[in-house]
Every structure is written in C-alpha cells, then in structure tokens.
Protein backbone atom coordinates (compact mmCIF):
# COMPACT_ATOMS: atom_id res chain seq x y z
CA ILE A 1 -188.86 126.38 -205.78
CA ARG A 2 -187.64 128.05 -208.94
CA ARG A 3 -188.14 131.54 -207.50
CA ALA A 4 -186.32 130.55 -204.34
CA VAL A 5 -183.38 129.08 -206.25
CA GLU A 6 -183.04 132.10 -208.50
CA GLY A 7 -183.15 134.39 -205.46
CA SER A 8 -180.51 132.35 -203.66
CA LEU A 9 -178.20 132.31 -206.68
CA LYS A 10 -178.46 136.09 -206.94
CA ARG A 11 -177.88 136.74 -203.24
CA LEU A 12 -175.05 134.24 -202.98
CA LYS A 13 -173.49 135.52 -206.22
CA THR A 14 -172.92 132.00 -207.46
CA ASP A 15 -173.89 129.94 -210.49
CA TYR A 16 -175.12 126.89 -208.63
CA ILE A 17 -176.19 125.51 -205.24
CA ASP A 18 -174.31 122.40 -204.15
CA LEU A 19 -177.05 120.69 -202.16
CA TYR A 20 -180.62 121.95 -202.28
CA TYR A 21 -182.83 120.82 -199.41
CA GLN A 22 -186.56 120.84 -198.97
CA HIS A 23 -186.35 121.49 -195.24
CA ARG A 24 -189.89 120.42 -194.47
CA VAL A 25 -192.23 118.32 -196.57
CA ASP A 26 -194.94 120.47 -198.17
CA THR A 27 -198.25 118.70 -197.63
CA ASN A 28 -199.87 120.86 -200.33
CA THR A 29 -197.51 119.78 -203.09
CA PRO A 30 -196.88 116.17 -204.16
CA ILE A 31 -193.28 115.22 -203.41
CA GLU A 32 -193.03 113.88 -206.96
CA GLU A 33 -193.50 117.43 -208.28
CA VAL A 34 -190.83 118.72 -205.93
CA ALA A 35 -188.36 116.04 -207.02
CA ALA A 36 -189.10 116.62 -210.70
CA THR A 37 -188.59 120.38 -210.35
CA VAL A 38 -185.28 119.99 -208.54
CA GLY A 39 -184.28 117.45 -211.19
CA GLU A 40 -184.90 120.08 -213.87
CA LEU A 41 -182.77 122.57 -211.94
CA VAL A 42 -179.99 119.99 -211.74
CA ALA A 43 -180.22 119.46 -215.51
CA GLU A 44 -179.93 123.24 -215.94
CA GLY A 45 -176.81 123.32 -213.77
CA LYS A 46 -178.36 125.54 -211.10
CA VAL A 47 -178.39 122.81 -208.44
CA LYS A 48 -175.95 119.93 -207.99
CA TYR A 49 -177.77 117.61 -205.60
CA PHE A 50 -181.25 117.12 -204.09
CA GLY A 51 -181.86 116.77 -200.35
CA LEU A 52 -184.82 116.27 -198.03
CA SER A 53 -185.24 117.00 -194.33
CA GLU A 54 -187.42 115.33 -191.68
CA ALA A 55 -189.11 113.22 -194.37
CA SER A 56 -190.73 109.83 -193.79
CA VAL A 57 -189.65 106.61 -195.46
CA ALA A 58 -192.64 106.78 -197.82
CA THR A 59 -191.79 110.33 -198.90
CA ILE A 60 -188.12 109.49 -199.38
CA ARG A 61 -189.00 106.55 -201.61
CA LYS A 62 -191.49 108.55 -203.68
CA ALA A 63 -189.01 111.39 -204.22
CA HIS A 64 -186.10 109.07 -204.97
CA ALA A 65 -188.15 107.23 -207.61
CA VAL A 66 -188.51 110.52 -209.56
CA PHE A 67 -185.05 112.01 -208.99
CA PRO A 68 -182.20 110.65 -206.82
CA VAL A 69 -182.11 112.02 -203.30
CA THR A 70 -178.51 112.60 -202.25
CA ALA A 71 -178.96 113.41 -198.58
CA LEU A 72 -181.51 113.45 -195.78
CA GLN A 73 -181.12 116.01 -193.00
CA SER A 74 -183.02 114.89 -189.90
CA GLU A 75 -182.48 114.76 -186.16
CA TYR A 76 -180.34 111.93 -184.80
CA SER A 77 -178.22 111.52 -181.67
CA LEU A 78 -177.93 109.58 -178.44
CA TRP A 79 -180.82 111.87 -177.41
CA PHE A 80 -183.07 110.76 -180.31
CA ARG A 81 -182.66 107.38 -182.05
CA ASP A 82 -186.12 106.63 -183.45
CA TYR A 83 -184.95 106.64 -187.06
CA GLU A 84 -182.71 103.62 -186.53
CA ASN A 85 -185.64 101.28 -187.16
CA ASP A 86 -186.83 102.56 -190.53
CA VAL A 87 -185.25 105.70 -191.95
CA ILE A 88 -181.57 104.76 -191.63
CA PRO A 89 -182.02 101.26 -193.17
CA THR A 90 -183.91 102.89 -196.05
CA LEU A 91 -181.11 105.40 -196.63
CA GLU A 92 -178.58 102.57 -196.68
CA GLU A 93 -180.69 100.61 -199.15
CA LEU A 94 -181.07 103.56 -201.52
CA GLY A 95 -177.53 104.92 -201.15
CA ILE A 96 -178.60 108.21 -199.58
CA GLY A 97 -176.33 110.06 -197.16
CA PHE A 98 -177.53 111.08 -193.71
CA VAL A 99 -176.86 114.55 -192.28
CA PRO A 100 -178.06 114.55 -188.65
CA PHE A 101 -178.88 117.91 -187.14
CA SER A 102 -178.87 118.38 -183.36
CA PRO A 103 -176.30 115.59 -182.89
CA LEU A 104 -175.69 117.08 -179.44
CA GLY A 105 -179.37 116.85 -178.52
CA LYS A 106 -179.90 120.61 -178.75
CA GLY A 107 -177.24 121.05 -176.10
CA ALA A 108 -178.46 118.30 -173.77
CA LEU A 109 -175.47 116.05 -174.52
CA THR A 110 -172.88 118.75 -173.86
CA GLY A 111 -173.09 118.20 -170.12
CA THR A 112 -173.71 121.89 -169.48
CA LEU A 113 -177.41 121.71 -168.58
CA THR A 114 -178.87 121.13 -165.14
CA ALA A 115 -182.37 120.43 -163.88
CA ASP A 116 -182.59 124.15 -163.05
CA SER A 117 -181.47 125.45 -166.44
CA HIS A 118 -183.66 128.28 -167.69
CA PHE A 119 -184.35 128.87 -171.38
CA ALA A 120 -185.14 132.27 -172.84
CA ASP A 121 -188.48 132.75 -174.57
CA ASN A 122 -186.76 132.80 -177.97
CA ASP A 123 -184.94 129.51 -177.24
CA ILE A 124 -186.75 126.63 -178.96
CA ARG A 125 -185.97 124.39 -175.98
CA ALA A 126 -188.42 126.42 -173.90
CA THR A 127 -191.20 124.80 -175.94
CA ILE A 128 -189.82 121.25 -176.15
CA PRO A 129 -191.33 118.71 -173.72
CA ARG A 130 -188.13 116.80 -172.94
CA PHE A 131 -186.50 119.99 -171.63
CA GLN A 132 -189.36 120.81 -169.27
CA LYS A 133 -189.17 120.48 -165.49
CA GLU A 134 -191.20 117.28 -165.40
CA HIS A 135 -188.70 115.50 -167.66
CA ILE A 136 -185.30 117.19 -167.63
CA ALA A 137 -184.00 115.79 -164.34
CA GLU A 138 -184.71 112.21 -165.45
CA ASN A 139 -183.28 112.85 -168.90
CA LEU A 140 -180.04 114.21 -167.49
CA ARG A 141 -179.40 110.75 -166.01
CA LEU A 142 -178.46 109.68 -169.54
CA VAL A 143 -176.06 112.59 -169.85
CA GLU A 144 -174.48 111.84 -166.48
CA GLU A 145 -173.78 108.22 -167.43
CA LEU A 146 -172.35 109.21 -170.80
CA ASN A 147 -170.15 111.81 -169.10
CA LYS A 148 -168.61 109.05 -166.99
CA VAL A 149 -167.52 107.24 -170.12
CA ALA A 150 -166.19 110.46 -171.68
CA LYS A 151 -164.11 111.26 -168.59
CA GLU A 152 -162.63 107.76 -168.53
CA MET A 153 -161.64 108.19 -172.19
CA GLY A 154 -160.17 111.64 -171.61
CA ILE A 155 -162.55 113.36 -174.03
CA SER A 156 -165.39 115.83 -173.63
CA ALA A 157 -169.09 114.98 -173.56
CA PRO A 158 -169.73 116.65 -176.96
CA GLN A 159 -166.84 114.73 -178.51
CA LEU A 160 -168.27 111.45 -177.26
CA ALA A 161 -171.73 112.29 -178.64
CA LEU A 162 -170.39 113.29 -182.04
CA ALA A 163 -168.00 110.35 -182.27
CA TRP A 164 -170.90 108.01 -181.50
CA VAL A 165 -172.93 109.41 -184.41
CA LEU A 166 -169.94 109.10 -186.73
CA ALA A 167 -169.39 105.51 -185.61
CA GLN A 168 -172.84 104.39 -186.73
CA LYS A 169 -172.33 104.52 -190.51
CA PRO A 170 -169.52 105.82 -192.76
CA TRP A 171 -172.05 107.86 -194.77
CA ILE A 172 -173.30 109.88 -191.79
CA ALA A 173 -172.12 113.50 -191.48
CA PRO A 174 -173.47 115.29 -188.38
CA ILE A 175 -173.81 119.08 -188.35
CA PRO A 176 -173.42 120.40 -184.79
CA GLY A 177 -174.09 124.07 -184.28
CA THR A 178 -172.13 126.48 -182.12
CA ARG A 179 -171.57 130.18 -181.61
CA ARG A 180 -168.08 129.93 -180.11
CA THR A 181 -164.80 129.10 -181.84
CA GLU A 182 -163.53 127.04 -178.91
CA ARG A 183 -166.63 124.86 -179.10
CA LEU A 184 -166.11 124.50 -182.84
CA ALA A 185 -162.57 123.23 -182.25
CA GLU A 186 -163.87 120.87 -179.57
CA ASN A 187 -166.54 119.51 -181.91
CA ILE A 188 -164.02 118.94 -184.69
CA GLY A 189 -162.00 116.88 -182.23
CA GLY A 190 -164.87 114.41 -182.10
CA ALA A 191 -163.87 113.20 -185.56
CA ASP A 192 -160.58 111.92 -184.10
CA VAL A 193 -162.26 109.80 -181.42
CA HIS A 194 -162.49 106.09 -182.12
CA PHE A 195 -164.21 103.64 -179.80
CA THR A 196 -163.26 100.10 -179.00
CA SER A 197 -166.06 97.59 -179.44
CA GLU A 198 -166.37 97.42 -175.65
CA GLN A 199 -166.69 101.21 -175.30
CA LEU A 200 -169.30 101.38 -178.05
CA ALA A 201 -171.26 98.53 -176.50
CA ARG A 202 -171.20 100.30 -173.13
CA ILE A 203 -172.47 103.55 -174.64
CA ASN A 204 -175.23 101.73 -176.51
CA LYS A 205 -176.23 99.90 -173.34
CA ILE A 206 -176.55 103.19 -171.46
CA ALA A 207 -178.60 104.78 -174.23
CA THR A 208 -180.87 101.74 -174.42
CA GLU A 209 -181.47 101.36 -170.71
CA ILE A 210 -182.22 105.03 -170.01
CA THR A 211 -185.23 106.15 -172.03
CA VAL A 212 -185.41 109.87 -172.74
CA GLN A 213 -188.73 111.21 -171.43
CA GLY A 214 -190.95 113.61 -173.40
CA ASN A 215 -191.23 114.33 -177.10
CA ARG A 216 -188.41 116.01 -179.03
CA TYR A 217 -190.87 118.66 -180.26
CA ASN A 218 -194.19 120.05 -179.06
CA ASP A 219 -197.39 118.92 -180.81
CA GLN A 220 -197.41 121.79 -183.29
CA GLN A 221 -193.80 121.16 -184.30
CA LEU A 222 -194.30 117.39 -184.50
CA ALA A 223 -197.10 117.92 -187.00
CA ARG A 224 -194.52 119.19 -189.51
CA VAL A 225 -192.02 116.33 -189.37
CA ASN A 226 -191.79 112.77 -190.64
CA LEU A 227 -194.42 113.36 -193.32
C-alpha cells in the first residue's frame, strides 16, 4: 500500500490523494492491517480519506473499527439491488458514503441493448451471465418497462436510472462511465430529475416484479467480491 501510494503521488505530481480505495478485499492480508496502514498515511497527510470497494458488511465493520471508512464503492442500480438488505443499512448506521459503480447496469439500463446485441471479446459483458443469450431477452423486459416510465416523464432511460439511485439516499453518489461527451451531458441531467412518490413507487414495483436473471459476474469474478 505504501509503495502504491508513493508511486501514485509521484505520477500524479500531487502531495496527497483525496480518497484512497482498496478496490478488492485482499484475502491474504487482514483488513485491520489495511485500515491501520491507510490511517498512518492519513496522519502523514498523504491520503485524506479511506475507501473500500465490493466489501462485505463484516469487512466494513472490521475496517471501520480500526480507522473510519469514508466511502464504499460497490455495484448498485435497478439492475442489481442485493445490497439494500445489509450493506446499505450498515453504511447508514456507520455514516459511510456509498459510491455505486455501474449505476446504468453496465449499459443494460440505457435502453440501447437488444436480445441480439454482440459483445466484443474484450468487453466484460461477454463473460457476464445476465448478458448471455439465455437471460438477456428476459432481462430486457425490465428495461422496456422502465423506458415506458421515462418516456412518459420526458426523460431518457439513463436519466431515470441515475435519478432513481440518487433518490434512494442523500449520501449516495453514483459514478456512471461514458466515452462520449453527449452521454456525459445526458447523465448529468439525471441529477435534475425528481420523482413524485407515485412515480417512485411505480419504478420500484417494476423492479421488484421483474427479477433479473443470471449473476452479475461469472463464478471467477464473484469469488473476488463481497468478502
């Protein structure tokens, strides 16, 4: 960790890193040692805040007991809501911010995919079960229903998906990715969308009634998350 921080500071030509994440839990190193080391770096002024990613409730609690965790970066969207039962309540209890990655379901919630969409070999979705032929057509039913709501509201599908994440808690800050400036502008517009209680209830009803089929990662990838 110390070598990595020093290397980052040199390459970035800066004196400190604002938020330093452990992006995957290291099963070979106790999380208490990780937290203590980052805490030392904070005391030295080289890091401002400590973050975890794809960590389980048990790991979050162990780390937080040694040095305060500021943020957790894990997957969360209308495409994946498993963490609502344990992780999110724990973050609220401990005062930890949530930074959801893939808030657009790795592109699924943009409304641009079809059952015949092909993914290049270097596209991670080519290895993810819920994007495979046996699942994608059924999963796109969720997207189709959400698109109906978006059209009625006069917003885009990505804006609806991002606004929904933002509506869950005031301390949630999603990080959608894009390669195009027009998509960036569209995503930013999601922050200006506000749902009525009826609209939010309708979206939640759709997401509850239509269960996304297939895992969000393949077995090898799943073995590295929620540890």
